[in-house]
């Protein structure tokens, strides 16, 4: 029989979960850089080779920013959590699992765009959009669990906070789906712009959707 995640009621403080999550996210963000390699080619063609790899740089920046934003959101949400139980542990694992898919999706997208094959580009855009949508779905599950278990949250957290955050996750899932469709049937650059814009949106709203007006006013 497995051991409880905490005390007799299965609850524990969030310290170990946060430390574990920080370590996983640090590894994920490090893996992204492994796809940055010196270009091959003839002597004297280094500049041309570096410029030809622009899709790799774009995909790296997009996914690096996204993992950083996941970390910011993760820290912001855990400041509102008092204790963690087995169900919330699994919801947190879901976020880490889907985030860990980003280096793979990033590498596939970068290589497809660099080689310029239209069919491969559509497939790669669809894969990246799917990973993004799954990441949003994992956040939705995380927020949904907390909305159903308010006893896990700090006393000063409003009852509507986590239910409202589900909307933020849903918006991302829909936009990733739209980006995938546009990238597959209209133009790949449109999808890539949306891929970059979504982490910016989640970064601005890392303290919650309710904080968006004040964040915009400070810009």
C-alpha atoms as a PDB file:
ATOM      1  CA  UNK A   1       0.000   0.000   0.000  1.00  0.00           C
ATOM      2  CA  UNK A   2       1.380   3.430  -0.981  1.00  0.00           C
ATOM      3  CA  UNK A   3       2.186   6.071   1.560  1.00  0.00           C
ATOM      4  CA  UNK A   4      -0.022   9.114   1.980  1.00  0.00           C
ATOM      5  CA  UNK A   5       1.019  12.367   0.313  1.00  0.00           C
ATOM      6  CA  UNK A   6       0.957  14.078   3.707  1.00  0.00           C
ATOM      7  CA  UNK A   7      -0.655  13.532   7.080  1.00  0.00           C
ATOM      8  CA  UNK A   8      -3.501  11.230   7.961  1.00  0.00           C
ATOM      9  CA  UNK A   9      -5.909  13.251   5.841  1.00  0.00           C
ATOM     10  CA  UNK A  10      -3.588  13.098   2.840  1.00  0.00           C
ATOM     11  CA  UNK A  11      -2.776  16.821   2.985  1.00  0.00           C
ATOM     12  CA  UNK A  12       0.718  18.299   3.046  1.00  0.00           C
ATOM     13  CA  UNK A  13       2.328  21.702   2.739  1.00  0.00           C
ATOM     14  CA  UNK A  14       3.258  22.808  -0.761  1.00  0.00           C
ATOM     15  CA  UNK A  15       7.019  23.132  -0.235  1.00  0.00           C
ATOM     16  CA  UNK A  16       8.112  19.808  -1.743  1.00  0.00           C
ATOM     17  CA  UNK A  17       5.703  20.105  -4.673  1.00  0.00           C
ATOM     18  CA  UNK A  18       7.024  23.581  -5.490  1.00  0.00           C
ATOM     19  CA  UNK A  19      10.671  22.481  -5.218  1.00  0.00           C
ATOM     20  CA  UNK A  20      10.038  19.452  -7.435  1.00  0.00           C
ATOM     21  CA  UNK A  21       8.170  21.573  -9.995  1.00  0.00           C
ATOM     22  CA  UNK A  22      10.939  24.191 -10.064  1.00  0.00           C
ATOM     23  CA  UNK A  23      13.521  21.470 -10.750  1.00  0.00           C
ATOM     24  CA  UNK A  24      11.461  19.947 -13.576  1.00  0.00           C
ATOM     25  CA  UNK A  25      10.839  23.329 -15.220  1.00  0.00           C
ATOM     26  CA  UNK A  26      14.544  24.193 -14.943  1.00  0.00           C
ATOM     27  CA  UNK A  27      15.431  20.966 -16.776  1.00  0.00           C
ATOM     28  CA  UNK A  28      12.797  21.617 -19.469  1.00  0.00           C
ATOM     29  CA  UNK A  29      14.016  25.147 -20.144  1.00  0.00           C
ATOM     30  CA  UNK A  30      17.602  23.860 -20.357  1.00  0.00           C
ATOM     31  CA  UNK A  31      16.662  21.169 -22.883  1.00  0.00           C
ATOM     32  CA  UNK A  32      15.388  23.849 -25.274  1.00  0.00           C
ATOM     33  CA  UNK A  33      18.893  25.148 -25.901  1.00  0.00           C
ATOM     34  CA  UNK A  34      20.123  21.731 -27.068  1.00  0.00           C
ATOM     35  CA  UNK A  35      18.455  22.341 -30.442  1.00  0.00           C
ATOM     36  CA  UNK A  36      20.700  25.357 -31.084  1.00  0.00           C
ATOM     37  CA  UNK A  37      23.635  23.974 -33.055  1.00  0.00           C
ATOM     38  CA  UNK A  38      26.312  25.544 -35.273  1.00  0.00           C
ATOM     39  CA  UNK A  39      25.243  25.344 -38.928  1.00  0.00           C
ATOM     40  CA  UNK A  40      27.081  23.141 -41.393  1.00  0.00           C
ATOM     41  CA  UNK A  41      28.264  24.278 -44.798  1.00  0.00           C
ATOM     42  CA  UNK A  42      31.281  25.366 -46.767  1.00  0.00           C
ATOM     43  CA  UNK A  43      33.934  27.738 -45.362  1.00  0.00           C
ATOM     44  CA  UNK A  44      32.793  31.328 -45.781  1.00  0.00           C
ATOM     45  CA  UNK A  45      29.121  30.396 -45.551  1.00  0.00           C
ATOM     46  CA  UNK A  46      28.737  30.715 -41.782  1.00  0.00           C
ATOM     47  CA  UNK A  47      26.646  33.890 -41.893  1.00  0.00           C
ATOM     48  CA  UNK A  48      24.326  32.419 -44.510  1.00  0.00           C
ATOM     49  CA  UNK A  49      24.012  29.245 -42.444  1.00  0.00           C
ATOM     50  CA  UNK A  50      23.212  31.168 -39.270  1.00  0.00           C
ATOM     51  CA  UNK A  51      20.552  33.226 -41.026  1.00  0.00           C
ATOM     52  CA  UNK A  52      19.024  30.107 -42.541  1.00  0.00           C
ATOM     53  CA  UNK A  53      18.409  28.773 -39.035  1.00  0.00           C
ATOM     54  CA  UNK A  54      16.063  31.637 -38.072  1.00  0.00           C
ATOM     55  CA  UNK A  55      13.117  29.259 -37.480  1.00  0.00           C
ATOM     56  CA  UNK A  56      15.149  27.505 -34.778  1.00  0.00           C
ATOM     57  CA  UNK A  57      15.849  30.810 -33.051  1.00  0.00           C
ATOM     58  CA  UNK A  58      12.215  31.904 -33.278  1.00  0.00           C
ATOM     59  CA  UNK A  59      10.926  28.597 -31.933  1.00  0.00           C
ATOM     60  CA  UNK A  60      13.528  28.657 -29.143  1.00  0.00           C
ATOM     61  CA  UNK A  61      12.553  32.167 -28.012  1.00  0.00           C
ATOM     62  CA  UNK A  62       8.837  31.323 -28.164  1.00  0.00           C
ATOM     63  CA  UNK A  63       9.148  28.157 -26.094  1.00  0.00           C
ATOM     64  CA  UNK A  64      11.715  29.640 -23.676  1.00  0.00           C
ATOM     65  CA  UNK A  65       9.341  32.498 -22.941  1.00  0.00           C
ATOM     66  CA  UNK A  66       6.472  30.026 -22.567  1.00  0.00           C
ATOM     67  CA  UNK A  67       8.302  27.843 -20.033  1.00  0.00           C
ATOM     68  CA  UNK A  68       9.290  30.990 -18.137  1.00  0.00           C
ATOM     69  CA  UNK A  69       5.660  32.096 -18.124  1.00  0.00           C
ATOM     70  CA  UNK A  70       4.563  28.649 -16.888  1.00  0.00           C
ATOM     71  CA  UNK A  71       6.985  29.101 -13.992  1.00  0.00           C
ATOM     72  CA  UNK A  72       5.622  32.588 -13.215  1.00  0.00           C
ATOM     73  CA  UNK A  73       2.038  31.337 -13.294  1.00  0.00           C
ATOM     74  CA  UNK A  74       2.952  28.308 -11.213  1.00  0.00           C
ATOM     75  CA  UNK A  75       4.556  30.457  -8.503  1.00  0.00           C
ATOM     76  CA  UNK A  76       1.635  32.895  -8.539  1.00  0.00           C
ATOM     77  CA  UNK A  77      -0.940  30.121  -8.150  1.00  0.00           C
ATOM     78  CA  UNK A  78       0.942  28.300  -5.376  1.00  0.00           C
ATOM     79  CA  UNK A  79       1.057  31.512  -3.352  1.00  0.00           C
ATOM     80  CA  UNK A  80      -2.712  31.052  -3.106  1.00  0.00           C
ATOM     81  CA  UNK A  81      -2.565  27.387  -2.077  1.00  0.00           C
ATOM     82  CA  UNK A  82      -2.365  26.480   1.610  1.00  0.00           C
ATOM     83  CA  UNK A  83      -1.989  22.702   1.347  1.00  0.00           C
ATOM     84  CA  UNK A  84      -1.859  20.036  -1.327  1.00  0.00           C
ATOM     85  CA  UNK A  85      -3.545  16.636  -1.505  1.00  0.00           C
ATOM     86  CA  UNK A  86      -3.136  13.638  -3.800  1.00  0.00           C
ATOM     87  CA  UNK A  87      -5.554  14.964  -6.415  1.00  0.00           C
ATOM     88  CA  UNK A  88      -3.797  18.314  -6.667  1.00  0.00           C
ATOM     89  CA  UNK A  89      -0.444  16.534  -6.921  1.00  0.00           C
ATOM     90  CA  UNK A  90      -1.731  14.720 -10.009  1.00  0.00           C
ATOM     91  CA  UNK A  91      -3.114  17.951 -11.476  1.00  0.00           C
ATOM     92  CA  UNK A  92       0.317  19.512 -10.962  1.00  0.00           C
ATOM     93  CA  UNK A  93       1.986  16.508 -12.622  1.00  0.00           C
ATOM     94  CA  UNK A  94      -0.279  17.132 -15.607  1.00  0.00           C
ATOM     95  CA  UNK A  95       1.078  20.657 -16.002  1.00  0.00           C
ATOM     96  CA  UNK A  96       4.667  19.424 -15.780  1.00  0.00           C
ATOM     97  CA  UNK A  97       4.011  16.574 -18.220  1.00  0.00           C
ATOM     98  CA  UNK A  98       2.541  18.815 -20.921  1.00  0.00           C
ATOM     99  CA  UNK A  99       5.198  21.497 -20.412  1.00  0.00           C
ATOM    100  CA  UNK A 100       7.879  18.839 -20.894  1.00  0.00           C
ATOM    101  CA  UNK A 101       6.533  18.212 -24.414  1.00  0.00           C
ATOM    102  CA  UNK A 102       7.502  21.737 -25.521  1.00  0.00           C
ATOM    103  CA  UNK A 103      11.173  20.992 -26.385  1.00  0.00           C
ATOM    104  CA  UNK A 104      10.096  18.179 -28.718  1.00  0.00           C
ATOM    105  CA  UNK A 105       7.361  20.237 -30.405  1.00  0.00           C
ATOM    106  CA  UNK A 106       9.771  23.185 -30.693  1.00  0.00           C
ATOM    107  CA  UNK A 107      12.458  21.102 -32.418  1.00  0.00           C
ATOM    108  CA  UNK A 108       9.956  19.568 -34.856  1.00  0.00           C
ATOM    109  CA  UNK A 109       8.504  22.967 -35.798  1.00  0.00           C
ATOM    110  CA  UNK A 110      11.892  24.623 -36.228  1.00  0.00           C
ATOM    111  CA  UNK A 111      13.256  21.899 -38.503  1.00  0.00           C
ATOM    112  CA  UNK A 112      10.107  21.724 -40.600  1.00  0.00           C
ATOM    113  CA  UNK A 113      10.060  25.487 -41.259  1.00  0.00           C
ATOM    114  CA  UNK A 114      13.813  25.544 -41.907  1.00  0.00           C
ATOM    115  CA  UNK A 115      13.570  22.811 -44.558  1.00  0.00           C
ATOM    116  CA  UNK A 116      10.594  24.534 -46.192  1.00  0.00           C
ATOM    117  CA  UNK A 117       8.444  21.496 -46.967  1.00  0.00           C
ATOM    118  CA  UNK A 118       4.814  22.651 -46.870  1.00  0.00           C
ATOM    119  CA  UNK A 119       3.360  19.322 -45.757  1.00  0.00           C
ATOM    120  CA  UNK A 120       5.899  19.003 -42.931  1.00  0.00           C
ATOM    121  CA  UNK A 121       5.264  22.598 -41.868  1.00  0.00           C
ATOM    122  CA  UNK A 122       1.530  21.944 -41.553  1.00  0.00           C
ATOM    123  CA  UNK A 123       2.167  18.803 -39.522  1.00  0.00           C
ATOM    124  CA  UNK A 124       4.638  20.578 -37.233  1.00  0.00           C
ATOM    125  CA  UNK A 125       2.280  23.514 -36.662  1.00  0.00           C
ATOM    126  CA  UNK A 126      -0.505  21.081 -35.828  1.00  0.00           C
ATOM    127  CA  UNK A 127       1.754  19.259 -33.352  1.00  0.00           C
ATOM    128  CA  UNK A 128       2.807  22.489 -31.614  1.00  0.00           C
ATOM    129  CA  UNK A 129      -0.815  23.661 -31.447  1.00  0.00           C
ATOM    130  CA  UNK A 130      -1.821  20.304 -29.949  1.00  0.00           C
ATOM    131  CA  UNK A 131       0.875  20.519 -27.270  1.00  0.00           C
ATOM    132  CA  UNK A 132      -0.173  24.094 -26.468  1.00  0.00           C
ATOM    133  CA  UNK A 133      -3.824  23.075 -26.204  1.00  0.00           C
ATOM    134  CA  UNK A 134      -2.914  20.139 -23.942  1.00  0.00           C
ATOM    135  CA  UNK A 135      -0.939  22.499 -21.719  1.00  0.00           C
ATOM    136  CA  UNK A 136      -3.958  24.785 -21.449  1.00  0.00           C
ATOM    137  CA  UNK A 137      -6.135  21.763 -20.675  1.00  0.00           C
ATOM    138  CA  UNK A 138      -3.803  20.740 -17.848  1.00  0.00           C
ATOM    139  CA  UNK A 139      -4.050  24.222 -16.354  1.00  0.00           C
ATOM    140  CA  UNK A 140      -7.842  24.049 -16.713  1.00  0.00           C
ATOM    141  CA  UNK A 141      -7.869  20.787 -14.751  1.00  0.00           C
ATOM    142  CA  UNK A 142      -5.611  22.352 -12.107  1.00  0.00           C
ATOM    143  CA  UNK A 143      -7.896  25.369 -11.692  1.00  0.00           C
ATOM    144  CA  UNK A 144     -11.011  23.191 -11.761  1.00  0.00           C
ATOM    145  CA  UNK A 145      -9.688  20.995  -8.974  1.00  0.00           C
ATOM    146  CA  UNK A 146      -8.949  24.009  -6.790  1.00  0.00           C
ATOM    147  CA  UNK A 147     -12.371  25.507  -7.514  1.00  0.00           C
ATOM    148  CA  UNK A 148     -13.923  22.242  -6.259  1.00  0.00           C
ATOM    149  CA  UNK A 149     -11.630  22.030  -3.204  1.00  0.00           C
ATOM    150  CA  UNK A 150     -11.486  25.551  -1.712  1.00  0.00           C
ATOM    151  CA  UNK A 151     -10.240  24.161   1.618  1.00  0.00           C
ATOM    152  CA  UNK A 152      -6.823  23.768  -0.058  1.00  0.00           C
ATOM    153  CA  UNK A 153      -6.510  27.502  -0.759  1.00  0.00           C
ATOM    154  CA  UNK A 154      -5.522  30.408   1.453  1.00  0.00           C
ATOM    155  CA  UNK A 155      -8.322  32.070   3.388  1.00  0.00           C
ATOM    156  CA  UNK A 156      -8.000  35.416   1.572  1.00  0.00           C
ATOM    157  CA  UNK A 157      -8.506  33.880  -1.899  1.00  0.00           C
ATOM    158  CA  UNK A 158     -11.900  34.805  -3.345  1.00  0.00           C
ATOM    159  CA  UNK A 159     -14.198  31.894  -4.142  1.00  0.00           C
ATOM    160  CA  UNK A 160     -14.496  33.070  -7.751  1.00  0.00           C
ATOM    161  CA  UNK A 161     -10.745  33.288  -8.366  1.00  0.00           C
ATOM    162  CA  UNK A 162     -10.006  29.750  -9.549  1.00  0.00           C
ATOM    163  CA  UNK A 163     -13.311  29.316 -11.412  1.00  0.00           C
ATOM    164  CA  UNK A 164     -12.436  32.515 -13.296  1.00  0.00           C
ATOM    165  CA  UNK A 165      -8.964  31.170 -14.054  1.00  0.00           C
ATOM    166  CA  UNK A 166     -10.561  28.280 -15.898  1.00  0.00           C
ATOM    167  CA  UNK A 167     -11.702  30.875 -18.440  1.00  0.00           C
ATOM    168  CA  UNK A 168      -8.122  31.986 -18.959  1.00  0.00           C
ATOM    169  CA  UNK A 169      -7.072  28.404 -19.660  1.00  0.00           C
ATOM    170  CA  UNK A 170     -10.034  27.871 -21.991  1.00  0.00           C
ATOM    171  CA  UNK A 171      -9.145  30.982 -24.027  1.00  0.00           C
ATOM    172  CA  UNK A 172      -5.659  29.607 -24.591  1.00  0.00           C
ATOM    173  CA  UNK A 173      -6.945  26.211 -25.666  1.00  0.00           C
ATOM    174  CA  UNK A 174      -9.284  27.771 -28.213  1.00  0.00           C
ATOM    175  CA  UNK A 175      -6.594  30.086 -29.591  1.00  0.00           C
ATOM    176  CA  UNK A 176      -4.127  27.217 -29.985  1.00  0.00           C
ATOM    177  CA  UNK A 177      -6.760  25.312 -31.930  1.00  0.00           C
ATOM    178  CA  UNK A 178      -7.373  28.387 -34.120  1.00  0.00           C
ATOM    179  CA  UNK A 179      -3.613  28.780 -34.659  1.00  0.00           C
ATOM    180  CA  UNK A 180      -3.337  25.145 -35.718  1.00  0.00           C
ATOM    181  CA  UNK A 181      -6.157  25.494 -38.239  1.00  0.00           C
ATOM    182  CA  UNK A 182      -4.786  28.763 -39.661  1.00  0.00           C
ATOM    183  CA  UNK A 183      -1.281  27.337 -39.874  1.00  0.00           C
ATOM    184  CA  UNK A 184      -2.441  24.212 -41.647  1.00  0.00           C
ATOM    185  CA  UNK A 185      -4.858  25.793 -44.127  1.00  0.00           C
ATOM    186  CA  UNK A 186      -3.868  29.470 -44.479  1.00  0.00           C
ATOM    187  CA  UNK A 187      -0.287  30.411 -43.571  1.00  0.00           C
ATOM    188  CA  UNK A 188       2.280  29.034 -41.140  1.00  0.00           C
ATOM    189  CA  UNK A 189       3.562  32.514 -40.083  1.00  0.00           C
ATOM    190  CA  UNK A 190       0.098  33.396 -38.734  1.00  0.00           C
ATOM    191  CA  UNK A 191       0.221  30.394 -36.420  1.00  0.00           C
ATOM    192  CA  UNK A 192       3.747  31.246 -35.274  1.00  0.00           C
ATOM    193  CA  UNK A 193       2.690  34.792 -34.369  1.00  0.00           C
ATOM    194  CA  UNK A 194      -0.162  33.398 -32.256  1.00  0.00           C
ATOM    195  CA  UNK A 195       2.251  30.924 -30.655  1.00  0.00           C
ATOM    196  CA  UNK A 196       4.413  33.865 -29.568  1.00  0.00           C
ATOM    197  CA  UNK A 197       1.495  36.075 -28.511  1.00  0.00           C
ATOM    198  CA  UNK A 198      -0.097  33.519 -26.179  1.00  0.00           C
ATOM    199  CA  UNK A 199       2.847  33.306 -23.730  1.00  0.00           C
ATOM    200  CA  UNK A 200       2.824  37.109 -23.628  1.00  0.00           C
ATOM    201  CA  UNK A 201      -0.873  37.036 -22.685  1.00  0.00           C
ATOM    202  CA  UNK A 202      -0.264  34.467 -19.957  1.00  0.00           C
ATOM    203  CA  UNK A 203       2.727  36.422 -18.701  1.00  0.00           C
ATOM    204  CA  UNK A 204       0.706  39.642 -18.392  1.00  0.00           C
ATOM    205  CA  UNK A 205      -2.058  37.744 -16.551  1.00  0.00           C
ATOM    206  CA  UNK A 206       0.228  35.572 -14.393  1.00  0.00           C
ATOM    207  CA  UNK A 207      -1.418  36.946 -11.243  1.00  0.00           C
ATOM    208  CA  UNK A 208      -4.865  36.064 -12.558  1.00  0.00           C
ATOM    209  CA  UNK A 209      -7.282  37.228 -15.218  1.00  0.00           C
ATOM    210  CA  UNK A 210      -8.703  39.843 -12.860  1.00  0.00           C
ATOM    211  CA  UNK A 211      -5.286  41.582 -12.864  1.00  0.00           C
ATOM    212  CA  UNK A 212      -5.343  42.207 -16.637  1.00  0.00           C
ATOM    213  CA  UNK A 213      -6.764  45.784 -16.507  1.00  0.00           C
ATOM    214  CA  UNK A 214      -4.168  46.944 -13.971  1.00  0.00           C
ATOM    215  CA  UNK A 215      -1.360  45.192 -15.886  1.00  0.00           C
ATOM    216  CA  UNK A 216      -2.359  46.934 -19.107  1.00  0.00           C
ATOM    217  CA  UNK A 217      -2.603  50.324 -17.366  1.00  0.00           C
ATOM    218  CA  UNK A 218       1.017  49.997 -16.190  1.00  0.00           C
ATOM    219  CA  UNK A 219       2.301  49.492 -19.737  1.00  0.00           C
END
